[in-house]
Structure formats: structure tokens, C-alpha cells
Amino acid sequence: MVVTGYLRDKILHLDLSGEMDECSAQDARARCDKFIEDNISAKKIVINLSEVEFMDSTGIGFLIGRYKKANRYGVKLYIEKPNFAADKILNLSGIYSLIPKAE
């Protein structure tokens, strides 16, 4: 899992690519958390999933953890561009009630 991030117009963009599973989640958590902690002035965080090729239930836990972290800082979190399979998993899990899709 590759994680890149940048701050533009007070929006922290986190772009994920690769596979989100138990093997890759720990490193992705650490990288995303570092970006969040280094950019606490952000007004919102957008996690781009367009390049995530595979995601299982570990991905849901990953997203909920980042939601809780952002919430502690008072920052809204959004999910952007999940592929069809990831979108289906996220829809079934009900995660969009916590973390909406970015417009």
C-alpha cells in the first residue's frame, strides 16, 4: 500500500494505492496518521481510494480509525472515488453514514 498526501486549500488529500489488507494496513495507518498529525490545520480530509485494487474488512477498520483520529481534531473526513468493489463493501458496511463520499 502506497500512501501519498498533500495539503491544498486547507484540504488534506490522502491518496492510497495498492491492496488494503491486514498485511498492508499497519504501515498505511502509520503514514496516514502522520499526515493527519502534521496537518491539523486542515479543514477537511479526503481519502482517495481510486487506486486501491483490493480491500477487505481491514479497510473498513482502517477508515473508521482515521475517522476517529480526524474527529478528535475536529476535522471532517470524506471518501473519494472508491472502485466498484470497494464501494460495494463500504455501502454494505454502512460506513457512508459516518464518512460520506466527497462531492
N, C-alpha and C. Protein backbone atom coordinates (compact mmCIF):
# COMPACT_ATOMS: atom_id res chain seq x y z
N MET A 1 0.85 -1.18 0.00
CA MET A 1 0.00 0.00 0.00
C MET A 1 0.89 1.23 0.00
N VAL A 2 0.67 2.09 -0.97
CA VAL A 2 1.39 3.34 -1.07
C VAL A 2 0.45 4.46 -0.62
N VAL A 3 0.96 5.32 0.26
CA VAL A 3 0.18 6.45 0.76
C VAL A 3 0.93 7.73 0.43
N THR A 4 0.26 8.63 -0.27
CA THR A 4 0.81 9.95 -0.51
C THR A 4 -0.19 10.97 0.00
N GLY A 5 0.32 12.11 0.38
CA GLY A 5 -0.56 13.14 0.91
C GLY A 5 -0.06 14.53 0.59
N TYR A 6 -1.01 15.45 0.51
CA TYR A 6 -0.65 16.85 0.30
C TYR A 6 -1.80 17.72 0.80
N LEU A 7 -1.45 18.92 1.19
CA LEU A 7 -2.43 19.90 1.68
C LEU A 7 -2.60 20.97 0.61
N ARG A 8 -3.85 21.17 0.20
CA ARG A 8 -4.15 22.21 -0.78
C ARG A 8 -5.46 22.88 -0.37
N ASP A 9 -5.43 24.19 -0.25
CA ASP A 9 -6.62 24.97 0.12
C ASP A 9 -7.25 24.46 1.41
N LYS A 10 -6.41 24.16 2.40
CA LYS A 10 -6.87 23.69 3.71
C LYS A 10 -7.55 22.33 3.67
N ILE A 11 -7.35 21.57 2.56
CA ILE A 11 -7.88 20.22 2.44
C ILE A 11 -6.70 19.26 2.36
N LEU A 12 -6.67 18.31 3.29
CA LEU A 12 -5.63 17.29 3.27
C LEU A 12 -6.10 16.15 2.39
N HIS A 13 -5.36 15.90 1.32
CA HIS A 13 -5.68 14.81 0.39
C HIS A 13 -4.75 13.64 0.70
N LEU A 14 -5.34 12.48 0.96
CA LEU A 14 -4.57 11.26 1.18
C LEU A 14 -4.92 10.29 0.06
N ASP A 15 -3.96 9.98 -0.77
CA ASP A 15 -4.16 9.08 -1.91
C ASP A 15 -3.57 7.72 -1.57
N LEU A 16 -4.41 6.69 -1.64
CA LEU A 16 -3.98 5.33 -1.36
C LEU A 16 -3.94 4.55 -2.66
N SER A 17 -2.96 3.68 -2.79
CA SER A 17 -2.91 2.80 -3.96
C SER A 17 -2.32 1.46 -3.54
N GLY A 18 -2.82 0.42 -4.20
CA GLY A 18 -2.38 -0.93 -3.89
C GLY A 18 -3.49 -1.73 -3.24
N GLU A 19 -3.11 -2.67 -2.39
CA GLU A 19 -4.06 -3.54 -1.72
C GLU A 19 -4.17 -3.17 -0.25
N MET A 20 -5.41 -3.05 0.23
CA MET A 20 -5.66 -2.76 1.64
C MET A 20 -6.10 -4.06 2.30
N ASP A 21 -5.15 -4.70 2.96
CA ASP A 21 -5.44 -5.92 3.70
C ASP A 21 -4.65 -5.89 5.00
N GLU A 22 -4.75 -6.95 5.75
CA GLU A 22 -4.10 -6.96 7.06
C GLU A 22 -2.59 -6.74 6.98
N CYS A 23 -1.97 -7.23 5.92
CA CYS A 23 -0.52 -7.08 5.78
C CYS A 23 -0.11 -5.63 5.54
N SER A 24 -0.91 -4.88 4.81
CA SER A 24 -0.53 -3.52 4.44
C SER A 24 -1.13 -2.45 5.34
N ALA A 25 -2.12 -2.81 6.14
CA ALA A 25 -2.87 -1.80 6.90
C ALA A 25 -2.03 -1.09 7.95
N GLN A 26 -1.15 -1.79 8.63
CA GLN A 26 -0.38 -1.17 9.71
C GLN A 26 0.48 -0.02 9.20
N ASP A 27 1.18 -0.25 8.11
CA ASP A 27 2.02 0.80 7.53
C ASP A 27 1.16 1.95 7.01
N ALA A 28 0.05 1.63 6.36
CA ALA A 28 -0.85 2.67 5.84
C ALA A 28 -1.41 3.51 6.99
N ARG A 29 -1.78 2.87 8.10
CA ARG A 29 -2.26 3.61 9.28
C ARG A 29 -1.22 4.61 9.76
N ALA A 30 -0.01 4.13 9.92
CA ALA A 30 1.07 4.99 10.43
C ALA A 30 1.31 6.17 9.50
N ARG A 31 1.33 5.94 8.21
CA ARG A 31 1.59 7.02 7.25
C ARG A 31 0.45 8.04 7.23
N CYS A 32 -0.79 7.54 7.21
CA CYS A 32 -1.94 8.46 7.21
C CYS A 32 -2.00 9.26 8.50
N ASP A 33 -1.77 8.59 9.62
CA ASP A 33 -1.80 9.29 10.91
C ASP A 33 -0.74 10.39 10.96
N LYS A 34 0.43 10.12 10.41
CA LYS A 34 1.48 11.14 10.38
C LYS A 34 1.05 12.34 9.55
N PHE A 35 0.47 12.09 8.37
CA PHE A 35 -0.04 13.20 7.55
C PHE A 35 -1.09 14.00 8.31
N ILE A 36 -2.00 13.31 8.99
CA ILE A 36 -3.06 14.00 9.75
C ILE A 36 -2.46 14.83 10.86
N GLU A 37 -1.54 14.24 11.63
CA GLU A 37 -0.92 14.96 12.75
C GLU A 37 -0.09 16.15 12.28
N ASP A 38 0.54 16.02 11.11
CA ASP A 38 1.37 17.11 10.58
C ASP A 38 0.54 18.21 9.93
N ASN A 39 -0.75 17.97 9.72
CA ASN A 39 -1.61 18.94 9.04
C ASN A 39 -2.91 19.17 9.80
N ILE A 40 -2.80 19.38 11.10
CA ILE A 40 -4.00 19.53 11.92
C ILE A 40 -4.76 20.83 11.63
N SER A 41 -4.16 21.70 10.84
CA SER A 41 -4.85 22.93 10.45
C SER A 41 -5.83 22.71 9.30
N ALA A 42 -5.85 21.49 8.74
CA ALA A 42 -6.74 21.18 7.61
C ALA A 42 -8.20 21.33 8.05
N LYS A 43 -9.02 21.80 7.13
CA LYS A 43 -10.46 21.94 7.38
C LYS A 43 -11.19 20.63 7.11
N LYS A 44 -10.66 19.82 6.19
CA LYS A 44 -11.22 18.51 5.94
C LYS A 44 -10.15 17.60 5.36
N ILE A 45 -10.43 16.30 5.42
CA ILE A 45 -9.52 15.28 4.91
C ILE A 45 -10.28 14.45 3.88
N VAL A 46 -9.66 14.24 2.73
CA VAL A 46 -10.27 13.44 1.68
C VAL A 46 -9.35 12.25 1.41
N ILE A 47 -9.88 11.04 1.59
CA ILE A 47 -9.12 9.83 1.31
C ILE A 47 -9.54 9.32 -0.06
N ASN A 48 -8.60 9.35 -1.00
CA ASN A 48 -8.85 8.92 -2.37
C ASN A 48 -8.54 7.44 -2.50
N LEU A 49 -9.56 6.66 -2.86
CA LEU A 49 -9.41 5.21 -2.99
C LEU A 49 -9.39 4.74 -4.44
N SER A 50 -9.23 5.66 -5.39
CA SER A 50 -9.33 5.29 -6.81
C SER A 50 -8.28 4.28 -7.24
N GLU A 51 -7.14 4.24 -6.57
CA GLU A 51 -6.07 3.32 -6.96
C GLU A 51 -5.97 2.10 -6.03
N VAL A 52 -6.95 1.93 -5.16
CA VAL A 52 -6.96 0.75 -4.28
C VAL A 52 -7.55 -0.41 -5.08
N GLU A 53 -6.72 -1.43 -5.30
CA GLU A 53 -7.11 -2.56 -6.15
C GLU A 53 -7.92 -3.60 -5.39
N PHE A 54 -7.70 -3.70 -4.08
CA PHE A 54 -8.37 -4.71 -3.27
C PHE A 54 -8.55 -4.15 -1.86
N MET A 55 -9.71 -4.41 -1.28
CA MET A 55 -9.95 -4.01 0.11
C MET A 55 -10.86 -5.03 0.75
N ASP A 56 -10.48 -5.49 1.94
CA ASP A 56 -11.35 -6.38 2.70
C ASP A 56 -11.82 -5.65 3.96
N SER A 57 -12.30 -6.37 4.94
CA SER A 57 -12.83 -5.74 6.15
C SER A 57 -11.76 -4.94 6.90
N THR A 58 -10.50 -5.25 6.69
CA THR A 58 -9.42 -4.47 7.29
C THR A 58 -9.50 -3.02 6.83
N GLY A 59 -9.89 -2.81 5.58
CA GLY A 59 -10.03 -1.46 5.04
C GLY A 59 -11.11 -0.67 5.77
N ILE A 60 -12.17 -1.33 6.15
CA ILE A 60 -13.24 -0.66 6.91
C ILE A 60 -12.71 -0.23 8.27
N GLY A 61 -11.99 -1.11 8.93
CA GLY A 61 -11.38 -0.76 10.21
C GLY A 61 -10.39 0.38 10.07
N PHE A 62 -9.62 0.34 9.00
CA PHE A 62 -8.66 1.41 8.71
C PHE A 62 -9.38 2.75 8.58
N LEU A 63 -10.45 2.80 7.81
CA LEU A 63 -11.20 4.04 7.60
C LEU A 63 -11.85 4.53 8.88
N ILE A 64 -12.40 3.63 9.67
CA ILE A 64 -13.02 4.03 10.94
C ILE A 64 -11.96 4.61 11.88
N GLY A 65 -10.79 4.01 11.90
CA GLY A 65 -9.70 4.54 12.73
C GLY A 65 -9.29 5.94 12.33
N ARG A 66 -9.21 6.19 11.01
CA ARG A 66 -8.85 7.53 10.55
C ARG A 66 -9.99 8.52 10.82
N TYR A 67 -11.23 8.04 10.75
CA TYR A 67 -12.39 8.88 11.11
C TYR A 67 -12.28 9.32 12.57
N LYS A 68 -11.97 8.38 13.45
CA LYS A 68 -11.87 8.71 14.88
C LYS A 68 -10.73 9.70 15.12
N LYS A 69 -9.62 9.50 14.46
CA LYS A 69 -8.47 10.41 14.62
C LYS A 69 -8.84 11.81 14.14
N ALA A 70 -9.43 11.91 12.95
CA ALA A 70 -9.83 13.22 12.40
C ALA A 70 -10.87 13.88 13.31
N ASN A 71 -11.78 13.09 13.83
CA ASN A 71 -12.83 13.60 14.70
C ASN A 71 -12.24 14.21 15.98
N ARG A 72 -11.19 13.60 16.50
CA ARG A 72 -10.52 14.14 17.70
C ARG A 72 -9.96 15.54 17.44
N TYR A 73 -9.56 15.78 16.20
CA TYR A 73 -9.04 17.10 15.82
C TYR A 73 -10.14 18.03 15.32
N GLY A 74 -11.37 17.56 15.27
CA GLY A 74 -12.49 18.37 14.80
C GLY A 74 -12.49 18.57 13.29
N VAL A 75 -11.94 17.59 12.56
CA VAL A 75 -11.83 17.68 11.11
C VAL A 75 -12.76 16.64 10.47
N LYS A 76 -13.49 17.05 9.45
CA LYS A 76 -14.38 16.15 8.72
C LYS A 76 -13.56 15.27 7.77
N LEU A 77 -13.98 14.02 7.65
CA LEU A 77 -13.30 13.06 6.78
C LEU A 77 -14.25 12.62 5.68
N TYR A 78 -13.73 12.48 4.46
CA TYR A 78 -14.52 12.07 3.31
C TYR A 78 -13.79 10.98 2.53
N ILE A 79 -14.56 10.15 1.85
CA ILE A 79 -14.02 9.11 0.98
C ILE A 79 -14.26 9.56 -0.46
N GLU A 80 -13.23 9.37 -1.29
CA GLU A 80 -13.33 9.80 -2.69
C GLU A 80 -12.98 8.65 -3.63
N LYS A 81 -13.78 8.50 -4.66
CA LYS A 81 -13.51 7.63 -5.81
C LYS A 81 -13.21 6.16 -5.49
N PRO A 82 -14.01 5.52 -4.64
CA PRO A 82 -13.76 4.08 -4.46
C PRO A 82 -14.14 3.33 -5.73
N ASN A 83 -13.41 2.27 -6.06
CA ASN A 83 -13.79 1.48 -7.23
C ASN A 83 -15.08 0.71 -6.92
N PHE A 84 -15.62 0.03 -7.90
CA PHE A 84 -16.91 -0.64 -7.74
C PHE A 84 -16.92 -1.62 -6.57
N ALA A 85 -15.88 -2.47 -6.48
CA ALA A 85 -15.83 -3.49 -5.43
C ALA A 85 -15.71 -2.86 -4.05
N ALA A 86 -14.84 -1.86 -3.92
CA ALA A 86 -14.67 -1.19 -2.63
C ALA A 86 -15.95 -0.45 -2.25
N ASP A 87 -16.58 0.20 -3.22
CA ASP A 87 -17.82 0.92 -2.96
C ASP A 87 -18.90 -0.03 -2.44
N LYS A 88 -18.96 -1.21 -3.02
CA LYS A 88 -19.94 -2.21 -2.58
C LYS A 88 -19.70 -2.62 -1.14
N ILE A 89 -18.46 -2.88 -0.78
CA ILE A 89 -18.11 -3.25 0.59
C ILE A 89 -18.44 -2.11 1.55
N LEU A 90 -18.08 -0.90 1.17
CA LEU A 90 -18.32 0.26 2.02
C LEU A 90 -19.81 0.52 2.18
N ASN A 91 -20.57 0.34 1.12
CA ASN A 91 -22.02 0.51 1.19
C ASN A 91 -22.65 -0.51 2.13
N LEU A 92 -22.27 -1.78 1.97
CA LEU A 92 -22.82 -2.84 2.81
C LEU A 92 -22.47 -2.66 4.28
N SER A 93 -21.29 -2.10 4.54
CA SER A 93 -20.85 -1.90 5.92
C SER A 93 -21.58 -0.75 6.60
N GLY A 94 -22.16 0.15 5.80
CA GLY A 94 -22.83 1.33 6.36
C GLY A 94 -21.87 2.45 6.71
N ILE A 95 -20.64 2.36 6.26
CA ILE A 95 -19.63 3.35 6.64
C ILE A 95 -19.95 4.74 6.12
N TYR A 96 -20.72 4.82 5.03
CA TYR A 96 -21.05 6.14 4.48
C TYR A 96 -21.91 6.97 5.43
N SER A 97 -22.51 6.33 6.42
CA SER A 97 -23.25 7.12 7.43
C SER A 97 -22.29 7.87 8.35
N LEU A 98 -21.06 7.38 8.47
CA LEU A 98 -20.02 8.06 9.25
C LEU A 98 -19.14 8.95 8.39
N ILE A 99 -18.70 8.36 7.28
CA ILE A 99 -17.75 9.02 6.39
C ILE A 99 -18.40 9.16 5.01
N PRO A 100 -18.91 10.32 4.68
CA PRO A 100 -19.58 10.47 3.39
C PRO A 100 -18.60 10.49 2.22
N LYS A 101 -19.15 10.25 1.04
CA LYS A 101 -18.35 10.39 -0.18
C LYS A 101 -18.13 11.87 -0.46
N ALA A 102 -16.94 12.18 -0.95
CA ALA A 102 -16.63 13.56 -1.34
C ALA A 102 -17.40 13.88 -2.62
N GLU A 103 -17.87 15.09 -2.72
CA GLU A 103 -18.62 15.52 -3.91
C GLU A 103 -17.67 15.97 -4.99
